[in-house]
């Protein structure tokens, strides 16, 4: 009976959703396995980790390019390696206690912080387990690269090539795509989804999302979309941003459009199915889900760093339209809603990038693997 410990981090929702998708497929592939998903940045795991997360999110509100600065600072060389080692050391002891308590055969990390701590544990102690990292972006960054990782699961071949160039054996780097919930394939068709949500069946429908943290200037976007004369249905997911949710609710009575808002919700896939168009920040999980659904997407306001690279990947593959600063979001939305051909082209581009079986491939690889950890 194998024991799988899936380590994730509640910085945004993507890392959590990837972990949950993998857990579902592991249970299907190995029903007798013991599987635990742990949020490494939760208060229940570590007050210090939780405080670090809170400080980071608070700083992000005042310094929007903070992630870009951290991203570049840790991007390689001696300083980057020192930064990685420092985070790994800070989180070493809590991670070691989790390992001792659960005694896993396999540890799967969907965030680099627990991955770094696990790598250090394998280097400095006699604890033995298979270590897998699931990269949740469409680009490779130094912050994910650690020794003693037995399996890397990446989104695209270019990332595999980058890891092989850094010395990882090609058989240990698996191009699976980013793990999403396969339930996306079982959603009802668009008209039925709108019926279930209680929204008009024949009105153009736009979904606005800012990720699990409710970032991305959604109120400013709504201001701009108010200038569109044709009546729309606007669906907004505010995530865990309660202030944003309340502010949008206050707009409902005066909006020229049919405006609906949700906080953090499990109905996001149904809302995506109901929409003609998604306007969102280019978080990798959201982009990957839109690929699977063939949902035309307008990307805006990426956090500099990996989100920008996600946007580059999606637009280069004809799956999304990227509205840059100074460009008109309302104009882009009107253009797409008026052109069924352009919508169809974006939908086709997204489906060409879709990897709905990514989580299943990861689970099958790990359940079939022998316990040969500490190879690298």
Protein backbone atom coordinates (compact mmCIF):
# COMPACT_ATOMS: atom_id res chain seq x y z
CA UNK A 1 0.00 0.00 0.00
CA UNK A 2 1.67 3.19 -1.22
CA UNK A 3 1.51 6.47 0.63
CA UNK A 4 1.38 9.70 -1.42
CA UNK A 5 1.92 13.11 0.16
CA UNK A 6 0.91 15.96 -2.15
CA UNK A 7 2.41 19.29 -1.07
CA UNK A 8 0.92 22.50 -2.41
CA UNK A 9 0.64 26.19 -1.44
CA UNK A 10 -2.32 28.55 -1.25
CA UNK A 11 -0.64 31.39 -3.14
CA UNK A 12 -3.35 31.82 -5.73
CA UNK A 13 -5.61 28.86 -6.52
CA UNK A 14 -3.68 27.17 -9.32
CA UNK A 15 -1.25 25.18 -7.17
CA UNK A 16 -4.14 23.87 -5.04
CA UNK A 17 -6.27 22.91 -8.05
CA UNK A 18 -3.38 21.04 -9.64
CA UNK A 19 -2.80 19.11 -6.41
CA UNK A 20 -6.48 18.20 -6.10
CA UNK A 21 -6.63 17.00 -9.72
CA UNK A 22 -3.62 14.74 -9.14
CA UNK A 23 -5.13 13.39 -5.92
CA UNK A 24 -8.35 12.42 -7.71
CA UNK A 25 -6.47 10.55 -10.41
CA UNK A 26 -4.19 8.81 -7.89
CA UNK A 27 -7.26 7.52 -6.05
CA UNK A 28 -8.62 6.19 -9.33
CA UNK A 29 -5.31 4.60 -10.34
CA UNK A 30 -4.53 3.12 -6.90
CA UNK A 31 -7.71 2.77 -4.79
CA UNK A 32 -5.83 1.24 -1.86
CA UNK A 33 -3.29 4.05 -1.62
CA UNK A 34 -3.21 6.53 1.26
CA UNK A 35 -3.21 10.03 -0.18
CA UNK A 36 -2.90 13.33 1.68
CA UNK A 37 -2.99 16.86 0.22
CA UNK A 38 -1.30 19.47 2.42
CA UNK A 39 -1.25 23.25 1.98
CA UNK A 40 2.31 24.04 3.00
CA UNK A 41 1.50 27.74 3.48
CA UNK A 42 -1.54 27.27 5.70
CA UNK A 43 -1.64 28.45 9.29
CA UNK A 44 -2.40 24.91 10.44
CA UNK A 45 0.90 23.69 9.02
CA UNK A 46 3.14 26.59 9.99
CA UNK A 47 2.42 30.02 11.40
CA UNK A 48 5.71 31.24 9.94
CA UNK A 49 4.84 30.03 6.43
CA UNK A 50 1.38 31.56 6.75
CA UNK A 51 2.86 34.89 7.83
CA UNK A 52 5.31 34.85 4.92
CA UNK A 53 2.38 34.31 2.55
CA UNK A 54 0.35 37.12 4.14
CA UNK A 55 3.30 39.53 3.97
CA UNK A 56 3.91 38.67 0.33
CA UNK A 57 0.25 39.18 -0.62
CA UNK A 58 0.12 42.47 1.27
CA UNK A 59 3.27 43.71 -0.46
CA UNK A 60 1.89 42.61 -3.83
CA UNK A 61 -1.02 45.01 -3.41
CA UNK A 62 1.41 47.94 -3.06
CA UNK A 63 4.23 46.73 -5.33
CA UNK A 64 2.56 45.10 -8.35
CA UNK A 65 5.89 44.11 -9.93
CA UNK A 66 7.10 42.46 -6.72
CA UNK A 67 6.78 38.99 -8.22
CA UNK A 68 8.76 40.09 -11.26
CA UNK A 69 11.56 41.35 -9.02
CA UNK A 70 11.62 38.10 -7.02
CA UNK A 71 11.37 36.10 -10.23
CA UNK A 72 14.39 37.81 -11.77
CA UNK A 73 16.34 37.89 -8.49
CA UNK A 74 16.06 34.10 -8.15
CA UNK A 75 16.57 33.48 -11.85
CA UNK A 76 19.99 31.91 -11.74
CA UNK A 77 23.58 32.31 -10.71
CA UNK A 78 24.96 32.37 -7.20
CA UNK A 79 22.36 34.81 -5.86
CA UNK A 80 19.50 32.73 -7.25
CA UNK A 81 20.90 29.54 -5.75
CA UNK A 82 21.45 31.26 -2.40
CA UNK A 83 17.84 32.46 -2.41
CA UNK A 84 16.57 28.95 -3.10
CA UNK A 85 18.74 27.45 -0.38
CA UNK A 86 17.56 30.05 2.13
CA UNK A 87 13.88 29.28 1.54
CA UNK A 88 14.56 25.55 1.67
CA UNK A 89 16.40 25.92 4.98
CA UNK A 90 13.63 28.05 6.51
CA UNK A 91 11.07 25.39 5.65
CA UNK A 92 13.25 22.34 6.30
CA UNK A 93 12.21 21.46 9.86
CA UNK A 94 8.45 21.76 9.33
CA UNK A 95 8.70 19.70 6.15
CA UNK A 96 10.79 17.08 7.95
CA UNK A 97 8.13 16.76 10.65
CA UNK A 98 5.47 16.25 7.99
CA UNK A 99 7.58 13.57 6.33
CA UNK A 100 8.13 11.79 9.63
CA UNK A 101 4.43 11.93 10.52
CA UNK A 102 3.13 10.67 7.17
CA UNK A 103 6.03 8.39 6.11
CA UNK A 104 5.35 8.81 2.38
CA UNK A 105 6.63 6.61 -0.39
CA UNK A 106 6.12 9.49 -2.83
CA UNK A 107 6.03 13.26 -2.27
CA UNK A 108 4.48 15.31 -5.06
CA UNK A 109 5.01 19.09 -5.02
CA UNK A 110 2.91 21.55 -7.01
CA UNK A 111 4.81 24.53 -5.58
CA UNK A 112 8.58 25.08 -5.42
CA UNK A 113 8.77 25.90 -1.69
CA UNK A 114 7.95 22.40 -0.40
CA UNK A 115 9.94 20.94 -3.30
CA UNK A 116 13.06 22.80 -2.12
CA UNK A 117 12.58 21.67 1.46
CA UNK A 118 12.13 18.05 0.34
CA UNK A 119 15.24 18.22 -1.80
CA UNK A 120 17.23 19.45 1.20
CA UNK A 121 15.79 16.69 3.40
CA UNK A 122 16.93 14.05 0.92
CA UNK A 123 20.38 15.63 0.86
CA UNK A 124 20.91 16.05 4.60
CA UNK A 125 19.04 13.14 6.15
CA UNK A 126 18.44 9.43 5.70
CA UNK A 127 14.74 9.87 4.95
CA UNK A 128 13.93 8.18 1.65
CA UNK A 129 11.01 8.88 -0.65
CA UNK A 130 10.40 9.50 -4.33
CA UNK A 131 10.21 13.23 -5.03
CA UNK A 132 8.14 14.58 -7.93
CA UNK A 133 7.67 18.20 -8.96
CA UNK A 134 4.69 19.32 -11.05
CA UNK A 135 5.47 22.65 -12.69
CA UNK A 136 2.38 24.84 -12.98
CA UNK A 137 3.46 27.32 -15.67
CA UNK A 138 4.31 27.27 -19.36
CA UNK A 139 7.93 28.32 -18.83
CA UNK A 140 10.88 26.97 -16.90
CA UNK A 141 12.38 28.94 -14.04
CA UNK A 142 15.32 28.33 -11.75
CA UNK A 143 13.10 28.43 -8.66
CA UNK A 144 11.79 24.94 -9.59
CA UNK A 145 15.19 23.36 -10.22
CA UNK A 146 16.60 21.31 -7.34
CA UNK A 147 18.82 18.24 -7.06
CA UNK A 148 17.39 14.89 -5.96
CA UNK A 149 14.08 15.39 -7.73
CA UNK A 150 13.21 12.00 -9.19
CA UNK A 151 10.47 13.13 -11.58
CA UNK A 152 9.61 16.43 -13.20
CA UNK A 153 6.21 16.87 -14.87
CA UNK A 154 6.12 19.82 -17.26
CA UNK A 155 3.67 21.53 -19.58
CA UNK A 156 5.50 21.66 -22.91
CA UNK A 157 8.51 20.10 -24.67
CA UNK A 158 10.60 23.29 -24.40
CA UNK A 159 10.54 22.92 -20.61
CA UNK A 160 11.71 19.31 -20.87
CA UNK A 161 14.55 20.43 -23.12
CA UNK A 162 15.53 23.10 -20.59
CA UNK A 163 15.70 20.59 -17.73
CA UNK A 164 17.68 18.08 -19.79
CA UNK A 165 20.11 20.87 -20.68
CA UNK A 166 20.56 21.42 -16.93
CA UNK A 167 21.56 17.81 -16.39
CA UNK A 168 18.32 15.97 -15.63
CA UNK A 169 18.00 12.66 -17.54
CA UNK A 170 15.32 12.86 -20.23
CA UNK A 171 13.39 9.80 -18.88
CA UNK A 172 12.86 11.63 -15.59
CA UNK A 173 11.23 14.66 -17.25
CA UNK A 174 7.69 13.97 -18.44
CA UNK A 175 5.75 16.27 -20.78
CA UNK A 176 2.21 15.80 -19.51
CA UNK A 177 0.68 19.25 -19.59
CA UNK A 178 -0.62 21.06 -16.51
CA UNK A 179 -3.04 18.96 -14.44
CA UNK A 180 -6.69 20.04 -14.58
CA UNK A 181 -9.87 18.37 -13.40
CA UNK A 182 -11.12 15.90 -16.03
CA UNK A 183 -14.65 16.79 -14.92
CA UNK A 184 -14.27 19.69 -17.38
CA UNK A 185 -14.94 17.11 -20.09
CA UNK A 186 -18.30 16.23 -18.54
CA UNK A 187 -19.80 19.70 -18.25
CA UNK A 188 -23.20 20.31 -19.87
CA UNK A 189 -23.47 22.21 -23.11
CA UNK A 190 -23.61 26.02 -23.01
CA UNK A 191 -27.36 26.52 -23.07
CA UNK A 192 -27.90 24.01 -20.27
CA UNK A 193 -25.12 25.64 -18.21
CA UNK A 194 -26.87 29.00 -18.51
CA UNK A 195 -30.16 27.41 -17.50
CA UNK A 196 -28.54 25.93 -14.39
CA UNK A 197 -27.09 29.34 -13.49
CA UNK A 198 -30.37 31.15 -14.10
CA UNK A 199 -28.99 33.52 -16.75
CA UNK A 200 -30.34 34.48 -20.16
CA UNK A 201 -29.77 31.87 -22.84
CA UNK A 202 -29.41 34.21 -25.83
CA UNK A 203 -27.47 37.22 -24.49
CA UNK A 204 -23.71 37.44 -25.18
CA UNK A 205 -22.01 36.35 -21.98
CA UNK A 206 -18.59 37.40 -20.69
CA UNK A 207 -16.88 35.90 -17.64
CA UNK A 208 -14.34 38.01 -15.72
CA UNK A 209 -11.87 36.33 -13.39
CA UNK A 210 -8.94 37.55 -11.33
CA UNK A 211 -7.73 34.23 -9.96
CA UNK A 212 -8.36 32.91 -6.47
CA UNK A 213 -7.09 36.19 -4.96
CA UNK A 214 -9.44 38.40 -7.00
CA UNK A 215 -6.63 40.42 -8.55
CA UNK A 216 -6.47 42.04 -11.96
CA UNK A 217 -8.34 45.35 -11.83
CA UNK A 218 -11.82 43.87 -12.26
CA UNK A 219 -13.59 47.08 -11.21
CA UNK A 220 -11.71 49.07 -13.84
CA UNK A 221 -12.66 46.46 -16.43
CA UNK A 222 -16.32 46.75 -15.47
CA UNK A 223 -16.09 50.52 -15.84
CA UNK A 224 -14.84 50.06 -19.37
CA UNK A 225 -17.38 47.41 -20.28
CA UNK A 226 -20.18 49.75 -19.14
CA UNK A 227 -19.39 51.75 -22.28
CA UNK A 228 -20.59 48.89 -24.52
CA UNK A 229 -24.12 49.77 -25.64
CA UNK A 230 -25.32 46.27 -26.48
CA UNK A 231 -26.62 44.50 -23.40
CA UNK A 232 -24.35 41.76 -22.10
CA UNK A 233 -24.43 39.22 -19.33
CA UNK A 234 -21.36 39.79 -17.17
CA UNK A 235 -20.30 37.03 -14.78
CA UNK A 236 -17.63 37.94 -12.23
CA UNK A 237 -15.67 35.64 -9.92
CA UNK A 238 -14.15 37.74 -7.15
CA UNK A 239 -12.35 34.82 -5.51
CA UNK A 240 -11.45 35.35 -1.87
CA UNK A 241 -11.46 39.13 -2.30
CA UNK A 242 -14.49 39.98 -0.17
CA UNK A 243 -14.12 43.74 -0.66
CA UNK A 244 -14.20 43.26 -4.41
CA UNK A 245 -17.29 41.05 -4.20
CA UNK A 246 -19.13 43.66 -2.14
CA UNK A 247 -18.10 46.47 -4.50
CA UNK A 248 -19.41 44.56 -7.50
CA UNK A 249 -22.68 43.72 -5.77
CA UNK A 250 -23.17 47.46 -5.25
CA UNK A 251 -22.99 47.94 -9.03
CA UNK A 252 -25.70 45.46 -9.96
CA UNK A 253 -28.65 47.83 -9.67
CA UNK A 254 -27.09 50.55 -11.85
CA UNK A 255 -25.27 48.50 -14.50
CA UNK A 256 -26.61 48.59 -18.05
CA UNK A 257 -25.67 44.91 -18.26
CA UNK A 258 -26.97 41.88 -16.41
CA UNK A 259 -24.27 41.63 -13.75
CA UNK A 260 -23.69 38.61 -11.50
CA UNK A 261 -20.92 38.02 -8.96
CA UNK A 262 -19.57 35.06 -7.01
CA UNK A 263 -16.87 34.89 -4.38
CA UNK A 264 -14.67 31.83 -4.12
CA UNK A 265 -16.85 29.20 -5.80
CA UNK A 266 -16.80 25.59 -6.92
CA UNK A 267 -19.01 26.60 -9.86
CA UNK A 268 -16.17 28.23 -11.80
CA UNK A 269 -16.09 25.43 -14.43
CA UNK A 270 -19.85 25.79 -15.00
CA UNK A 271 -19.43 29.56 -15.31
CA UNK A 272 -16.69 29.02 -17.87
CA UNK A 273 -18.93 26.66 -19.82
CA UNK A 274 -21.73 29.25 -19.81
CA UNK A 275 -19.54 32.05 -21.16
CA UNK A 276 -18.91 33.05 -24.76
CA UNK A 277 -15.72 34.77 -23.73
CA UNK A 278 -13.37 34.75 -20.73
CA UNK A 279 -11.47 37.86 -19.61
CA UNK A 280 -8.76 36.91 -17.15
CA UNK A 281 -5.24 37.21 -15.87
CA UNK A 282 -3.10 34.47 -17.48
CA UNK A 283 -2.72 32.15 -14.53
CA UNK A 284 -1.55 28.80 -15.88
CA UNK A 285 -4.41 26.72 -14.45
CA UNK A 286 -7.07 29.11 -15.74
CA UNK A 287 -5.42 29.19 -19.16
CA UNK A 288 -5.17 25.39 -19.18
CA UNK A 289 -8.84 25.00 -18.26
CA UNK A 290 -9.86 27.41 -21.03
CA UNK A 291 -7.80 25.31 -23.47
CA UNK A 292 -9.72 22.17 -22.51
CA UNK A 293 -13.08 23.94 -22.84
CA UNK A 294 -12.14 25.67 -26.09
CA UNK A 295 -13.18 28.95 -24.45
CA UNK A 296 -12.03 32.08 -26.30
CA UNK A 297 -9.96 34.13 -23.89
CA UNK A 298 -8.86 37.75 -23.52
CA UNK A 299 -5.76 38.05 -21.35
CA UNK A 300 -4.83 41.20 -19.47
CA UNK A 301 -2.68 42.54 -16.66
CA UNK A 302 -0.35 39.56 -16.19
CA UNK A 303 1.89 39.58 -13.15
CA UNK A 304 5.33 40.16 -14.70
CA UNK A 305 7.28 36.93 -14.86
CA UNK A 306 5.62 33.56 -15.46
CA UNK A 307 2.14 34.98 -16.11
CA UNK A 308 3.58 37.06 -18.93
CA UNK A 309 5.19 33.94 -20.35
CA UNK A 310 1.89 32.08 -20.05
CA UNK A 311 0.29 34.88 -22.07
CA UNK A 312 3.02 34.65 -24.70
CA UNK A 313 2.48 30.89 -25.03
CA UNK A 314 -1.31 31.21 -25.34
CA UNK A 315 -1.21 34.01 -27.90
CA UNK A 316 1.55 32.41 -29.98
CA UNK A 317 -0.63 29.31 -30.29
CA UNK A 318 -3.67 31.29 -31.38
CA UNK A 319 -5.62 30.46 -28.22
CA UNK A 320 -5.98 33.92 -26.67
CA UNK A 321 -6.02 37.62 -27.37
CA UNK A 322 -3.71 39.69 -25.16
CA UNK A 323 -4.87 43.24 -24.34
CA UNK A 324 -1.79 45.28 -23.47
CA UNK A 325 -1.75 48.48 -21.38
CA UNK A 326 -3.26 51.34 -23.35
CA UNK A 327 -5.31 49.03 -25.57
CA UNK A 328 -9.09 48.92 -25.34
CA UNK A 329 -10.56 45.98 -23.47
CA UNK A 330 -14.07 46.98 -24.52
CA UNK A 331 -12.94 47.13 -28.14
CA UNK A 332 -11.42 43.66 -27.95
CA UNK A 333 -14.57 42.24 -26.34
CA UNK A 334 -16.84 43.85 -28.94
CA UNK A 335 -14.63 42.62 -31.77
CA UNK A 336 -14.68 39.04 -30.58
CA UNK A 337 -18.37 38.93 -29.74
CA UNK A 338 -19.15 40.28 -33.22
CA UNK A 339 -16.99 37.69 -35.00
CA UNK A 340 -17.99 34.05 -34.75
CA UNK A 341 -15.04 33.24 -37.02
CA UNK A 342 -12.54 34.81 -34.62
CA UNK A 343 -14.17 33.06 -31.65
CA UNK A 344 -13.96 29.75 -33.50
CA UNK A 345 -10.29 30.34 -34.33
CA UNK A 346 -9.41 31.05 -30.68
CA UNK A 347 -11.42 28.03 -29.58
CA UNK A 348 -9.58 25.81 -32.03
CA UNK A 349 -6.22 27.24 -30.96
CA UNK A 350 -7.02 26.48 -27.33
CA UNK A 351 -8.13 22.93 -28.01
CA UNK A 352 -4.88 22.31 -29.89
CA UNK A 353 -3.01 23.12 -26.65
CA UNK A 354 -5.35 21.21 -24.33
CA UNK A 355 -4.04 18.36 -22.17
CA UNK A 356 -7.11 17.14 -20.25
CA UNK A 357 -5.39 13.87 -19.28
CA UNK A 358 -2.37 15.51 -17.62
CA UNK A 359 -3.33 14.55 -14.06
CA UNK A 360 -4.13 11.00 -15.16
CA UNK A 361 -0.74 10.69 -16.89
CA UNK A 362 1.04 11.93 -13.76
CA UNK A 363 -0.84 9.46 -11.56
CA UNK A 364 -0.15 6.54 -13.88
CA UNK A 365 3.54 7.37 -14.07
CA UNK A 366 3.92 7.56 -10.30
CA UNK A 367 1.82 4.52 -9.45
CA UNK A 368 3.75 2.44 -11.98
CA UNK A 369 7.18 3.67 -10.84
CA UNK A 370 9.41 1.50 -8.70
CA UNK A 371 10.80 2.99 -5.53
CA UNK A 372 14.16 4.10 -6.91
CA UNK A 373 14.37 7.49 -5.20
CA UNK A 374 17.62 9.36 -4.63
CA UNK A 375 18.77 8.74 -8.20
CA UNK A 376 19.82 12.33 -8.82
